[in-house]
Amino acid sequence: RGLGDVYKRQDINSRADNIRSTLNLIFNNIDIESTIEGFRVLTVDGRGVVGQEIEKIKIPGLDGEYFLNTKLDSRTITVKYLLKANTSLELREKFNKLNMILHTEEPKQILFTDEPLWSFYGVLDSATNIEETSNSIVSSFTFKCLDPYEYKNLDKDENQNTVTISKLATNSTDKIIPSKIEVVLSNDASKV
């Protein structure tokens, strides 16, 4: 027997295409990798530390500046991706579908599957121009999250109609900002 009989040759690229990425993008409740065959997130940038804007004032006669306050900057999340197709026409159709998914009129939920309990809210800000020289394109697009916070997707307690918070902030500078607070009164009241 020759080695060719013992070992079957396999195309590694075709086998890798069938393996789902562990870093999927779900935008506006749409899993893009599942929706567009050949789409794969390669890297994500912008989920780490967010910068601050420092409010300060110059006071005549004093060196330097006087500190007033800080506030978080908006967040920019860049997604580098691979998009593969068999033909040029198929590639164009996939780009059209990607455009339809990403273009929204207001910020939508951005979730990555490596951190499924947390999400951002943003809107498509920009995309890299591409040269269509093949049917396999590596490019990127950027979301602008005017609200820089990352939100935990909380489970609702069905029996009590309340939201269960599993972990509170431990640092005094940490803030928990709920997206909604609902109060249901059991009796008439003039004050809450």
N, C-alpha and C. Protein backbone atom coordinates (compact mmCIF):
# COMPACT_ATOMS: atom_id res chain seq x y z
N ARG A 1 0.83 -1.20 0.00
CA ARG A 1 0.00 0.00 0.00
C ARG A 1 0.86 1.25 0.00
N GLY A 2 0.46 2.23 -0.76
CA GLY A 2 1.16 3.51 -0.77
C GLY A 2 0.55 4.44 0.28
N LEU A 3 1.25 5.51 0.60
CA LEU A 3 0.75 6.46 1.58
C LEU A 3 -0.57 7.08 1.14
N GLY A 4 -0.77 7.23 -0.16
CA GLY A 4 -2.01 7.81 -0.68
C GLY A 4 -3.21 6.95 -0.34
N ASP A 5 -3.00 5.62 -0.20
CA ASP A 5 -4.11 4.74 0.16
C ASP A 5 -4.44 4.85 1.65
N VAL A 6 -3.42 5.07 2.48
CA VAL A 6 -3.62 5.10 3.91
C VAL A 6 -4.22 6.46 4.35
N TYR A 7 -3.68 7.52 3.79
CA TYR A 7 -4.12 8.87 4.17
C TYR A 7 -4.95 9.47 3.04
N LYS A 8 -6.18 9.81 3.33
CA LYS A 8 -7.02 10.46 2.34
C LYS A 8 -6.70 11.94 2.36
N ARG A 9 -6.54 12.52 1.21
CA ARG A 9 -6.27 13.95 1.14
C ARG A 9 -7.56 14.72 1.36
N GLN A 10 -7.47 15.77 2.15
CA GLN A 10 -8.62 16.63 2.39
C GLN A 10 -8.20 18.06 2.15
N ASP A 11 -9.11 18.82 1.57
CA ASP A 11 -8.89 20.24 1.38
C ASP A 11 -9.18 20.93 2.71
N ILE A 12 -8.15 21.45 3.35
CA ILE A 12 -8.30 22.08 4.67
C ILE A 12 -9.23 23.27 4.59
N ASN A 13 -9.17 24.06 3.50
CA ASN A 13 -10.03 25.24 3.38
C ASN A 13 -11.50 24.87 3.34
N SER A 14 -11.87 23.81 2.62
CA SER A 14 -13.28 23.44 2.55
C SER A 14 -13.77 22.91 3.90
N ARG A 15 -12.90 22.22 4.64
CA ARG A 15 -13.28 21.73 5.95
C ARG A 15 -13.44 22.89 6.93
N ALA A 16 -12.57 23.88 6.86
CA ALA A 16 -12.63 25.04 7.76
C ALA A 16 -13.88 25.87 7.50
N ASP A 17 -14.39 25.88 6.27
CA ASP A 17 -15.59 26.65 5.96
C ASP A 17 -16.81 26.12 6.69
N ASN A 18 -16.80 24.85 7.05
CA ASN A 18 -17.95 24.24 7.71
C ASN A 18 -17.92 24.41 9.23
N ILE A 19 -16.84 24.97 9.76
CA ILE A 19 -16.70 25.16 11.20
C ILE A 19 -17.16 26.57 11.55
N ARG A 20 -18.11 26.69 12.48
CA ARG A 20 -18.60 28.01 12.89
C ARG A 20 -17.57 28.70 13.77
N SER A 21 -17.46 29.99 13.59
CA SER A 21 -16.57 30.80 14.39
C SER A 21 -17.09 30.90 15.82
N THR A 22 -16.20 31.06 16.77
CA THR A 22 -16.62 31.26 18.16
C THR A 22 -16.90 32.74 18.42
N LEU A 23 -16.62 33.60 17.46
CA LEU A 23 -16.83 35.04 17.59
C LEU A 23 -17.81 35.50 16.51
N ASN A 24 -19.09 35.26 16.75
CA ASN A 24 -20.12 35.68 15.80
C ASN A 24 -20.66 37.04 16.22
N LEU A 25 -21.11 37.80 15.24
CA LEU A 25 -21.74 39.09 15.47
C LEU A 25 -23.25 38.93 15.32
N ILE A 26 -23.98 39.35 16.34
CA ILE A 26 -25.43 39.39 16.26
C ILE A 26 -25.82 40.86 16.36
N PHE A 27 -26.34 41.40 15.26
CA PHE A 27 -26.71 42.80 15.20
C PHE A 27 -28.21 42.90 14.96
N ASN A 28 -28.89 43.63 15.83
CA ASN A 28 -30.34 43.81 15.70
C ASN A 28 -31.05 42.45 15.68
N ASN A 29 -30.58 41.53 16.53
CA ASN A 29 -31.12 40.16 16.66
C ASN A 29 -30.90 39.29 15.42
N ILE A 30 -29.97 39.65 14.56
CA ILE A 30 -29.66 38.85 13.37
C ILE A 30 -28.23 38.33 13.49
N ASP A 31 -28.08 37.00 13.53
CA ASP A 31 -26.77 36.36 13.54
C ASP A 31 -26.26 36.40 12.10
N ILE A 32 -25.32 37.30 11.84
CA ILE A 32 -24.89 37.54 10.46
C ILE A 32 -24.23 36.32 9.85
N GLU A 33 -23.43 35.59 10.62
CA GLU A 33 -22.76 34.41 10.08
C GLU A 33 -23.76 33.34 9.66
N SER A 34 -24.84 33.20 10.41
CA SER A 34 -25.87 32.21 10.05
C SER A 34 -26.72 32.70 8.88
N THR A 35 -26.86 34.00 8.75
CA THR A 35 -27.71 34.58 7.71
C THR A 35 -27.01 34.68 6.37
N ILE A 36 -25.71 34.99 6.39
CA ILE A 36 -24.94 35.16 5.15
C ILE A 36 -23.85 34.09 5.12
N GLU A 37 -24.04 33.07 4.31
CA GLU A 37 -23.05 32.01 4.19
C GLU A 37 -21.76 32.60 3.63
N GLY A 38 -20.64 32.28 4.26
CA GLY A 38 -19.35 32.79 3.83
C GLY A 38 -18.89 34.01 4.61
N PHE A 39 -19.74 34.54 5.51
CA PHE A 39 -19.37 35.67 6.37
C PHE A 39 -18.75 35.12 7.64
N ARG A 40 -17.62 35.69 8.04
CA ARG A 40 -16.97 35.27 9.28
C ARG A 40 -16.26 36.47 9.91
N VAL A 41 -16.52 36.68 11.21
CA VAL A 41 -15.83 37.73 11.96
C VAL A 41 -14.40 37.26 12.22
N LEU A 42 -13.44 38.10 11.89
CA LEU A 42 -12.03 37.76 12.13
C LEU A 42 -11.53 38.39 13.44
N THR A 43 -11.77 39.68 13.60
CA THR A 43 -11.35 40.37 14.83
C THR A 43 -12.37 41.45 15.17
N VAL A 44 -12.37 41.84 16.45
CA VAL A 44 -13.21 42.94 16.93
C VAL A 44 -12.33 43.86 17.75
N ASP A 45 -12.47 45.16 17.51
CA ASP A 45 -11.69 46.17 18.23
C ASP A 45 -12.66 47.18 18.83
N GLY A 46 -12.43 47.57 20.07
CA GLY A 46 -13.22 48.64 20.67
C GLY A 46 -14.09 48.21 21.83
N ARG A 47 -13.98 46.95 22.25
CA ARG A 47 -14.80 46.50 23.38
C ARG A 47 -14.07 46.66 24.72
N GLY A 48 -12.85 47.13 24.69
CA GLY A 48 -12.06 47.26 25.91
C GLY A 48 -12.30 48.58 26.62
N VAL A 49 -11.23 49.18 27.09
CA VAL A 49 -11.30 50.41 27.87
C VAL A 49 -11.77 51.56 26.98
N VAL A 50 -12.67 52.37 27.52
CA VAL A 50 -13.19 53.55 26.83
C VAL A 50 -12.50 54.78 27.39
N GLY A 51 -12.11 55.70 26.53
CA GLY A 51 -11.47 56.92 26.98
C GLY A 51 -12.43 57.88 27.66
N GLN A 52 -11.88 58.89 28.28
CA GLN A 52 -12.68 59.90 28.97
C GLN A 52 -12.41 61.27 28.40
N GLU A 53 -13.42 62.09 28.43
CA GLU A 53 -13.26 63.50 28.10
C GLU A 53 -13.09 64.22 29.44
N ILE A 54 -12.04 65.01 29.54
CA ILE A 54 -11.75 65.72 30.79
C ILE A 54 -12.23 67.15 30.65
N GLU A 55 -13.16 67.54 31.53
CA GLU A 55 -13.62 68.92 31.55
C GLU A 55 -12.70 69.70 32.49
N LYS A 56 -12.16 70.80 31.97
CA LYS A 56 -11.20 71.58 32.74
C LYS A 56 -11.34 73.05 32.36
N ILE A 57 -10.70 73.89 33.15
CA ILE A 57 -10.77 75.33 32.89
C ILE A 57 -9.40 75.94 33.19
N LYS A 58 -9.03 76.92 32.38
CA LYS A 58 -7.79 77.67 32.65
C LYS A 58 -8.15 78.87 33.52
N ILE A 59 -7.41 79.03 34.57
CA ILE A 59 -7.66 80.14 35.48
C ILE A 59 -6.50 81.13 35.33
N PRO A 60 -6.81 82.38 34.97
CA PRO A 60 -5.74 83.37 34.79
C PRO A 60 -4.87 83.50 36.04
N GLY A 61 -3.57 83.51 35.83
CA GLY A 61 -2.63 83.66 36.94
C GLY A 61 -2.20 82.36 37.58
N LEU A 62 -2.84 81.22 37.22
CA LEU A 62 -2.46 79.94 37.80
C LEU A 62 -1.81 79.06 36.73
N ASP A 63 -0.84 78.27 37.14
CA ASP A 63 -0.21 77.33 36.22
C ASP A 63 -1.16 76.18 35.93
N GLY A 64 -1.08 75.66 34.74
CA GLY A 64 -1.87 74.48 34.39
C GLY A 64 -3.34 74.80 34.22
N GLU A 65 -4.14 73.81 34.57
CA GLU A 65 -5.58 73.94 34.42
C GLU A 65 -6.26 73.41 35.67
N TYR A 66 -7.52 73.77 35.85
CA TYR A 66 -8.29 73.32 37.00
C TYR A 66 -9.25 72.23 36.54
N PHE A 67 -9.21 71.09 37.22
CA PHE A 67 -10.06 69.95 36.89
C PHE A 67 -11.50 70.23 37.32
N LEU A 68 -12.46 69.96 36.40
CA LEU A 68 -13.87 70.10 36.73
C LEU A 68 -14.57 68.75 36.83
N ASN A 69 -14.42 67.91 35.79
CA ASN A 69 -15.19 66.68 35.74
C ASN A 69 -14.65 65.78 34.62
N THR A 70 -15.10 64.54 34.61
CA THR A 70 -14.81 63.65 33.48
C THR A 70 -16.12 63.00 33.03
N LYS A 71 -16.16 62.61 31.77
CA LYS A 71 -17.28 61.83 31.25
C LYS A 71 -16.74 60.92 30.16
N LEU A 72 -17.41 59.79 29.99
CA LEU A 72 -16.96 58.82 29.01
C LEU A 72 -17.19 59.30 27.59
N ASP A 73 -16.23 59.00 26.71
CA ASP A 73 -16.39 59.26 25.29
C ASP A 73 -17.35 58.23 24.71
N SER A 74 -17.84 58.50 23.52
CA SER A 74 -18.61 57.47 22.82
C SER A 74 -17.65 56.33 22.46
N ARG A 75 -18.20 55.19 22.13
CA ARG A 75 -17.40 54.00 21.86
C ARG A 75 -17.47 53.68 20.36
N THR A 76 -16.34 53.27 19.80
CA THR A 76 -16.27 52.84 18.40
C THR A 76 -15.87 51.37 18.38
N ILE A 77 -16.70 50.53 17.75
CA ILE A 77 -16.41 49.10 17.64
C ILE A 77 -16.18 48.78 16.17
N THR A 78 -15.00 48.25 15.86
CA THR A 78 -14.64 47.89 14.49
C THR A 78 -14.63 46.38 14.34
N VAL A 79 -15.31 45.90 13.32
CA VAL A 79 -15.40 44.47 13.04
C VAL A 79 -14.66 44.19 11.74
N LYS A 80 -13.60 43.40 11.82
CA LYS A 80 -12.88 42.94 10.63
C LYS A 80 -13.48 41.59 10.26
N TYR A 81 -13.80 41.41 8.98
CA TYR A 81 -14.52 40.20 8.58
C TYR A 81 -14.00 39.64 7.26
N LEU A 82 -14.35 38.40 7.01
CA LEU A 82 -14.08 37.71 5.76
C LEU A 82 -15.42 37.43 5.11
N LEU A 83 -15.53 37.69 3.81
CA LEU A 83 -16.73 37.36 3.06
C LEU A 83 -16.31 36.59 1.82
N LYS A 84 -16.79 35.34 1.71
CA LYS A 84 -16.42 34.46 0.60
C LYS A 84 -17.65 34.10 -0.21
N ALA A 85 -17.45 33.97 -1.52
CA ALA A 85 -18.52 33.54 -2.42
C ALA A 85 -17.90 32.72 -3.55
N ASN A 86 -18.75 32.01 -4.28
CA ASN A 86 -18.28 31.20 -5.40
C ASN A 86 -18.14 31.99 -6.70
N THR A 87 -18.98 33.03 -6.85
CA THR A 87 -18.95 33.84 -8.09
C THR A 87 -19.00 35.32 -7.72
N SER A 88 -18.70 36.16 -8.68
CA SER A 88 -18.78 37.61 -8.47
C SER A 88 -20.21 38.03 -8.19
N LEU A 89 -21.15 37.45 -8.90
CA LEU A 89 -22.56 37.77 -8.70
C LEU A 89 -22.99 37.40 -7.28
N GLU A 90 -22.59 36.24 -6.82
CA GLU A 90 -22.94 35.80 -5.47
C GLU A 90 -22.31 36.73 -4.42
N LEU A 91 -21.09 37.19 -4.66
CA LEU A 91 -20.43 38.12 -3.74
C LEU A 91 -21.21 39.42 -3.66
N ARG A 92 -21.65 39.95 -4.80
CA ARG A 92 -22.43 41.19 -4.82
C ARG A 92 -23.74 41.00 -4.05
N GLU A 93 -24.39 39.85 -4.23
CA GLU A 93 -25.65 39.58 -3.52
C GLU A 93 -25.42 39.53 -2.01
N LYS A 94 -24.29 38.96 -1.59
CA LYS A 94 -23.97 38.88 -0.16
C LYS A 94 -23.69 40.27 0.42
N PHE A 95 -23.01 41.12 -0.36
CA PHE A 95 -22.77 42.49 0.10
C PHE A 95 -24.08 43.26 0.20
N ASN A 96 -24.99 43.06 -0.74
CA ASN A 96 -26.30 43.72 -0.68
C ASN A 96 -27.05 43.29 0.58
N LYS A 97 -26.99 42.01 0.90
CA LYS A 97 -27.66 41.49 2.09
C LYS A 97 -27.02 42.06 3.36
N LEU A 98 -25.68 42.14 3.38
CA LEU A 98 -24.96 42.70 4.52
C LEU A 98 -25.34 44.17 4.71
N ASN A 99 -25.43 44.92 3.62
CA ASN A 99 -25.85 46.32 3.71
C ASN A 99 -27.24 46.45 4.29
N MET A 100 -28.16 45.59 3.85
CA MET A 100 -29.53 45.64 4.36
C MET A 100 -29.59 45.35 5.86
N ILE A 101 -28.75 44.46 6.33
CA ILE A 101 -28.74 44.13 7.76
C ILE A 101 -28.14 45.27 8.58
N LEU A 102 -27.04 45.85 8.10
CA LEU A 102 -26.29 46.82 8.90
C LEU A 102 -26.88 48.23 8.90
N HIS A 103 -27.61 48.60 7.86
CA HIS A 103 -28.15 49.96 7.78
C HIS A 103 -29.47 50.06 8.55
N THR A 104 -29.43 50.78 9.66
CA THR A 104 -30.60 51.00 10.49
C THR A 104 -30.75 52.50 10.71
N GLU A 105 -31.92 52.93 11.11
CA GLU A 105 -32.18 54.36 11.31
C GLU A 105 -31.88 54.82 12.73
N GLU A 106 -31.60 53.88 13.62
CA GLU A 106 -31.28 54.22 15.00
C GLU A 106 -30.38 53.14 15.59
N PRO A 107 -29.72 53.42 16.72
CA PRO A 107 -28.86 52.41 17.33
C PRO A 107 -29.62 51.12 17.65
N LYS A 108 -28.96 49.99 17.41
CA LYS A 108 -29.54 48.67 17.66
C LYS A 108 -28.57 47.87 18.52
N GLN A 109 -29.06 46.75 19.06
CA GLN A 109 -28.25 45.90 19.93
C GLN A 109 -27.12 45.24 19.13
N ILE A 110 -25.92 45.27 19.71
CA ILE A 110 -24.73 44.62 19.15
C ILE A 110 -24.27 43.59 20.17
N LEU A 111 -24.24 42.34 19.76
CA LEU A 111 -23.87 41.27 20.68
C LEU A 111 -22.84 40.38 19.99
N PHE A 112 -21.84 39.94 20.74
CA PHE A 112 -20.85 39.00 20.23
C PHE A 112 -20.97 37.70 21.02
N THR A 113 -20.86 36.58 20.34
CA THR A 113 -21.14 35.30 20.98
C THR A 113 -20.07 34.86 21.97
N ASP A 114 -18.92 35.52 22.00
CA ASP A 114 -17.93 35.19 23.02
C ASP A 114 -18.27 35.85 24.36
N GLU A 115 -19.26 36.73 24.36
CA GLU A 115 -19.72 37.40 25.57
C GLU A 115 -21.25 37.55 25.46
N PRO A 116 -21.97 36.41 25.48
CA PRO A 116 -23.39 36.43 25.12
C PRO A 116 -24.32 37.13 26.11
N LEU A 117 -23.87 37.40 27.32
CA LEU A 117 -24.74 38.05 28.30
C LEU A 117 -24.62 39.57 28.28
N TRP A 118 -23.74 40.10 27.44
CA TRP A 118 -23.51 41.54 27.40
C TRP A 118 -23.71 42.08 26.00
N SER A 119 -24.19 43.31 25.91
CA SER A 119 -24.38 43.91 24.58
C SER A 119 -24.17 45.41 24.63
N PHE A 120 -23.90 45.95 23.44
CA PHE A 120 -23.77 47.38 23.22
C PHE A 120 -24.94 47.82 22.35
N TYR A 121 -25.11 49.13 22.20
CA TYR A 121 -26.11 49.66 21.29
C TYR A 121 -25.42 50.67 20.39
N GLY A 122 -25.50 50.44 19.08
CA GLY A 122 -24.81 51.31 18.15
C GLY A 122 -25.45 51.29 16.77
N VAL A 123 -24.88 52.12 15.93
CA VAL A 123 -25.34 52.26 14.55
C VAL A 123 -24.12 52.21 13.64
N LEU A 124 -24.28 51.68 12.43
CA LEU A 124 -23.17 51.62 11.48
C LEU A 124 -22.64 53.02 11.22
N ASP A 125 -21.34 53.20 11.38
CA ASP A 125 -20.73 54.52 11.21
C ASP A 125 -19.94 54.61 9.91
N SER A 126 -19.17 53.56 9.61
CA SER A 126 -18.35 53.60 8.38
C SER A 126 -18.00 52.18 7.97
N ALA A 127 -17.52 52.06 6.73
CA ALA A 127 -17.06 50.78 6.20
C ALA A 127 -15.87 51.03 5.30
N THR A 128 -14.94 50.09 5.29
CA THR A 128 -13.76 50.20 4.46
C THR A 128 -14.12 49.90 3.01
N ASN A 129 -13.61 50.72 2.09
CA ASN A 129 -13.79 50.43 0.67
C ASN A 129 -12.99 49.19 0.32
N ILE A 130 -13.52 48.41 -0.60
CA ILE A 130 -12.84 47.17 -0.99
C ILE A 130 -12.54 47.19 -2.48
N GLU A 131 -11.52 46.45 -2.85
CA GLU A 131 -11.23 46.19 -4.26
C GLU A 131 -11.71 44.78 -4.54
N GLU A 132 -12.66 44.65 -5.44
CA GLU A 132 -13.20 43.34 -5.76
C GLU A 132 -12.30 42.65 -6.78
N THR A 133 -11.21 42.10 -6.27
CA THR A 133 -10.26 41.40 -7.13
C THR A 133 -10.40 39.89 -7.06
N SER A 134 -11.19 39.42 -6.08
CA SER A 134 -11.45 37.99 -5.96
C SER A 134 -12.80 37.80 -5.30
N ASN A 135 -13.21 36.57 -5.14
CA ASN A 135 -14.48 36.28 -4.50
C ASN A 135 -14.32 36.00 -3.01
N SER A 136 -13.17 36.38 -2.46
CA SER A 136 -12.90 36.25 -1.04
C SER A 136 -12.33 37.59 -0.57
N ILE A 137 -13.11 38.33 0.21
CA ILE A 137 -12.77 39.69 0.60
C ILE A 137 -12.57 39.77 2.11
N VAL A 138 -11.50 40.47 2.52
CA VAL A 138 -11.32 40.81 3.93
C VAL A 138 -11.49 42.32 4.01
N SER A 139 -12.40 42.75 4.88
CA SER A 139 -12.69 44.18 5.03
C SER A 139 -13.14 44.45 6.45
N SER A 140 -13.63 45.67 6.71
CA SER A 140 -14.10 46.00 8.06
C SER A 140 -15.20 47.06 7.99
N PHE A 141 -15.98 47.10 9.05
CA PHE A 141 -16.96 48.16 9.23
C PHE A 141 -16.94 48.57 10.70
N THR A 142 -17.46 49.76 10.97
CA THR A 142 -17.38 50.34 12.31
C THR A 142 -18.76 50.76 12.80
N PHE A 143 -19.05 50.39 14.04
CA PHE A 143 -20.26 50.85 14.71
C PHE A 143 -19.88 52.00 15.62
N LYS A 144 -20.75 53.01 15.71
CA LYS A 144 -20.58 54.09 16.67
C LYS A 144 -21.61 53.87 17.78
N CYS A 145 -21.11 53.72 19.00
CA CYS A 145 -21.97 53.56 20.16
C CYS A 145 -21.93 54.88 20.93
N LEU A 146 -22.91 55.74 20.68
CA LEU A 146 -22.95 57.03 21.36
C LEU A 146 -23.09 56.83 22.86
N ASP A 147 -23.78 55.78 23.26
CA ASP A 147 -23.86 55.36 24.65
C ASP A 147 -22.70 54.38 24.85
N PRO A 148 -21.67 54.75 25.61
CA PRO A 148 -20.47 53.91 25.70
C PRO A 148 -20.59 52.68 26.58
N TYR A 149 -21.72 52.55 27.29
CA TYR A 149 -21.84 51.46 28.26
C TYR A 149 -22.15 50.13 27.59
N GLU A 150 -21.71 49.06 28.25
CA GLU A 150 -22.04 47.70 27.87
C GLU A 150 -23.11 47.23 28.84
N TYR A 151 -24.19 46.67 28.33
CA TYR A 151 -25.33 46.31 29.17
C TYR A 151 -25.44 44.81 29.32
N LYS A 152 -25.75 44.38 30.54
CA LYS A 152 -25.95 42.96 30.79
C LYS A 152 -27.40 42.62 30.46
N ASN A 153 -27.59 41.54 29.70
CA ASN A 153 -28.91 41.07 29.36
C ASN A 153 -29.43 40.30 30.56
N LEU A 154 -30.41 40.86 31.26
CA LEU A 154 -30.91 40.30 32.50
C LEU A 154 -32.10 39.38 32.26
N ASP A 155 -32.17 38.34 33.08
CA ASP A 155 -33.31 37.43 33.03
C ASP A 155 -34.43 38.00 33.88
N LYS A 156 -35.66 37.83 33.42
CA LYS A 156 -36.81 38.25 34.21
C LYS A 156 -37.31 37.09 35.04
N ASP A 157 -37.70 37.39 36.27
CA ASP A 157 -38.29 36.40 37.15
C ASP A 157 -39.78 36.35 36.82
N GLU A 158 -40.21 35.31 36.12
CA GLU A 158 -41.58 35.22 35.62
C GLU A 158 -42.62 35.23 36.74
N ASN A 159 -42.29 34.70 37.91
CA ASN A 159 -43.27 34.63 38.99
C ASN A 159 -43.49 35.98 39.66
N GLN A 160 -42.48 36.79 39.73
CA GLN A 160 -42.57 38.05 40.47
C GLN A 160 -42.70 39.26 39.56
N ASN A 161 -42.51 39.10 38.25
CA ASN A 161 -42.52 40.23 37.31
C ASN A 161 -41.49 41.28 37.71
N THR A 162 -40.34 40.81 38.18
CA THR A 162 -39.25 41.72 38.53
C THR A 162 -38.01 41.30 37.78
N VAL A 163 -37.05 42.18 37.74
CA VAL A 163 -35.78 41.87 37.10
C VAL A 163 -34.80 41.41 38.16
N THR A 164 -34.10 40.32 37.91
CA THR A 164 -33.12 39.80 38.84
C THR A 164 -31.74 40.28 38.42
N ILE A 165 -31.05 40.97 39.32
CA ILE A 165 -29.69 41.41 39.05
C ILE A 165 -28.77 40.45 39.78
N SER A 166 -27.95 39.72 39.00
CA SER A 166 -27.14 38.68 39.61
C SER A 166 -25.84 39.20 40.21
N LYS A 167 -25.34 40.32 39.72
CA LYS A 167 -24.08 40.83 40.25
C LYS A 167 -24.13 42.36 40.24
N LEU A 168 -23.92 42.96 41.38
CA LEU A 168 -23.89 44.42 41.46
C LEU A 168 -22.46 44.90 41.36
N ALA A 169 -22.30 46.17 41.03
CA ALA A 169 -20.97 46.76 40.93
C ALA A 169 -20.29 46.73 42.29
N THR A 170 -18.99 46.41 42.31
CA THR A 170 -18.26 46.36 43.57
C THR A 170 -17.39 47.59 43.77
N ASN A 171 -17.15 48.35 42.72
CA ASN A 171 -16.33 49.53 42.80
C ASN A 171 -17.26 50.74 42.90
N SER A 172 -16.94 51.67 43.78
CA SER A 172 -17.84 52.81 43.98
C SER A 172 -17.98 53.66 42.73
N THR A 173 -17.04 53.57 41.78
CA THR A 173 -17.14 54.34 40.54
C THR A 173 -17.94 53.60 39.48
N ASP A 174 -18.25 52.29 39.70
CA ASP A 174 -19.06 51.54 38.75
C ASP A 174 -20.49 52.04 38.82
N LYS A 175 -21.14 52.09 37.68
CA LYS A 175 -22.53 52.54 37.63
C LYS A 175 -23.36 51.45 36.98
N ILE A 176 -24.52 51.23 37.53
CA ILE A 176 -25.50 50.36 36.88
C ILE A 176 -26.64 51.26 36.45
N ILE A 177 -26.86 51.33 35.16
CA ILE A 177 -27.91 52.17 34.63
C ILE A 177 -28.95 51.25 34.00
N PRO A 178 -30.10 51.08 34.65
CA PRO A 178 -31.12 50.19 34.07
C PRO A 178 -31.72 50.82 32.83
N SER A 179 -32.09 49.99 31.88
CA SER A 179 -32.71 50.51 30.66
C SER A 179 -34.18 50.85 30.90
N LYS A 180 -34.79 50.24 31.93
CA LYS A 180 -36.19 50.51 32.22
C LYS A 180 -36.47 50.18 33.68
N ILE A 181 -37.20 51.05 34.36
CA ILE A 181 -37.67 50.80 35.71
C ILE A 181 -39.19 50.93 35.67
N GLU A 182 -39.87 49.88 36.07
CA GLU A 182 -41.32 49.88 36.03
C GLU A 182 -41.86 49.65 37.43
N VAL A 183 -42.82 50.48 37.84
CA VAL A 183 -43.44 50.37 39.15
C VAL A 183 -44.92 50.10 38.95
N VAL A 184 -45.42 49.06 39.59
CA VAL A 184 -46.84 48.74 39.53
C VAL A 184 -47.40 48.92 40.94
N LEU A 185 -48.37 49.82 41.07
CA LEU A 185 -48.97 50.11 42.37
C LEU A 185 -50.17 49.19 42.59
N SER A 186 -50.27 48.67 43.82
CA SER A 186 -51.40 47.81 44.14
C SER A 186 -52.60 48.62 44.60
N ASN A 187 -52.38 49.88 45.03
CA ASN A 187 -53.46 50.78 45.46
C ASN A 187 -53.25 52.14 44.82
N ASP A 188 -54.27 52.98 44.84
CA ASP A 188 -54.13 54.34 44.35
C ASP A 188 -53.15 55.09 45.26
N ALA A 189 -52.36 55.96 44.67
CA ALA A 189 -51.38 56.72 45.45
C ALA A 189 -51.17 58.09 44.80
N SER A 190 -50.87 59.07 45.62
CA SER A 190 -50.59 60.41 45.09
C SER A 190 -49.09 60.63 44.94
N LYS A 191 -48.27 59.79 45.59
CA LYS A 191 -46.81 59.87 45.50
C LYS A 191 -46.23 58.47 45.44
N VAL A 192 -45.10 58.37 44.74
CA VAL A 192 -44.37 57.09 44.69
C VAL A 192 -43.00 57.31 45.24
